[in-house]
Amino acid sequence: MTITPIERTRLSDAVVDQLSKLIINGTYAVGEKLPSERELAKSLGVGRPLVRESFRILESVGLVAVRPGIGAIVTGNSPKNLAIANTLWSQPERVVEVIEVRDVLAGRAAELAALRSTDAELAQLEQNFLLQQQAAAQDAIDELIRLDDEFHTLIYRAARNSVLTAMADFSSTLLNGIEWNGLTLATRRHKSLAEHAQIVAAIKARDPERAAHAGRYHAQQSNNEIRKLVESHALQSNSDAEERDDLE
């Protein structure tokens, strides 16, 4: 399989689709570097900004890692939730639908955790938060992302509501397909830690009203960042359309 110019279609989807196929079928093996943005832009017949955005999408689904000054290195050939990721990237309005309910779920989970968590569960939550602080101090983003996921899982578990947990799992699965949480956490980790501290303090105080507010506020702040990314992607999509028109 070789790289071929992009035909008339939605450019962003077409670029991601072609590059992902080249990786999945082994044309570019794990550990191998993809061609540069300039080379791919010329081969595909698109602009470099679109190739750069495509690298970002491929990175979010676990296919490549973008190294500053080096380029995109293939890190895997079995993408995580690729179908979900492609859907959300091509239909950003779906992302907005998901995040519209996250703050409600997060607030309710924290509220119930303040009422129902055991001392052992609270100790686990506090230990997790301590590890988050250490990871942030060491700039260990991957570990911080893992601990962040675990932090919220502990809260939902302590809430003891299977329906609430199922709804949260569904929304997380959709968003994790493109790792929006990881992208936002990398840029606002210190604010996120401060918000986590408020959640832990409220649950520890067994104050459901304060916990609900803290949980909801944290989700709202994260969601605001996600909305900015969605808007940025929408602008890129419009740019793609204009570029396609220029090529015709």
Foldseek 3Di string as FASTA:
>chain_A
DDQAADDPDQVLLRVLVVVLVCDLVPVADAFGFDDALVVNCVRHVHHSVSVVVSLLQCVLQQQWDQDVPGGTGGHDNDTQLQVLSSVCLVPVVVLVVLLVCQLVLQLLLLLLLLQQADPVLLVVLVVLLVVLVVCVVVVVLVVNLVSVVVNSVSSNVRSPDVVSVVSVVVSCSSCSSRDLVSVLCSVCVVVLSVLSVQSSVCSVVSPSVSNSVSRSVSSVVSVVSSVVVSVVSVVVSVVSVVRSVVVD
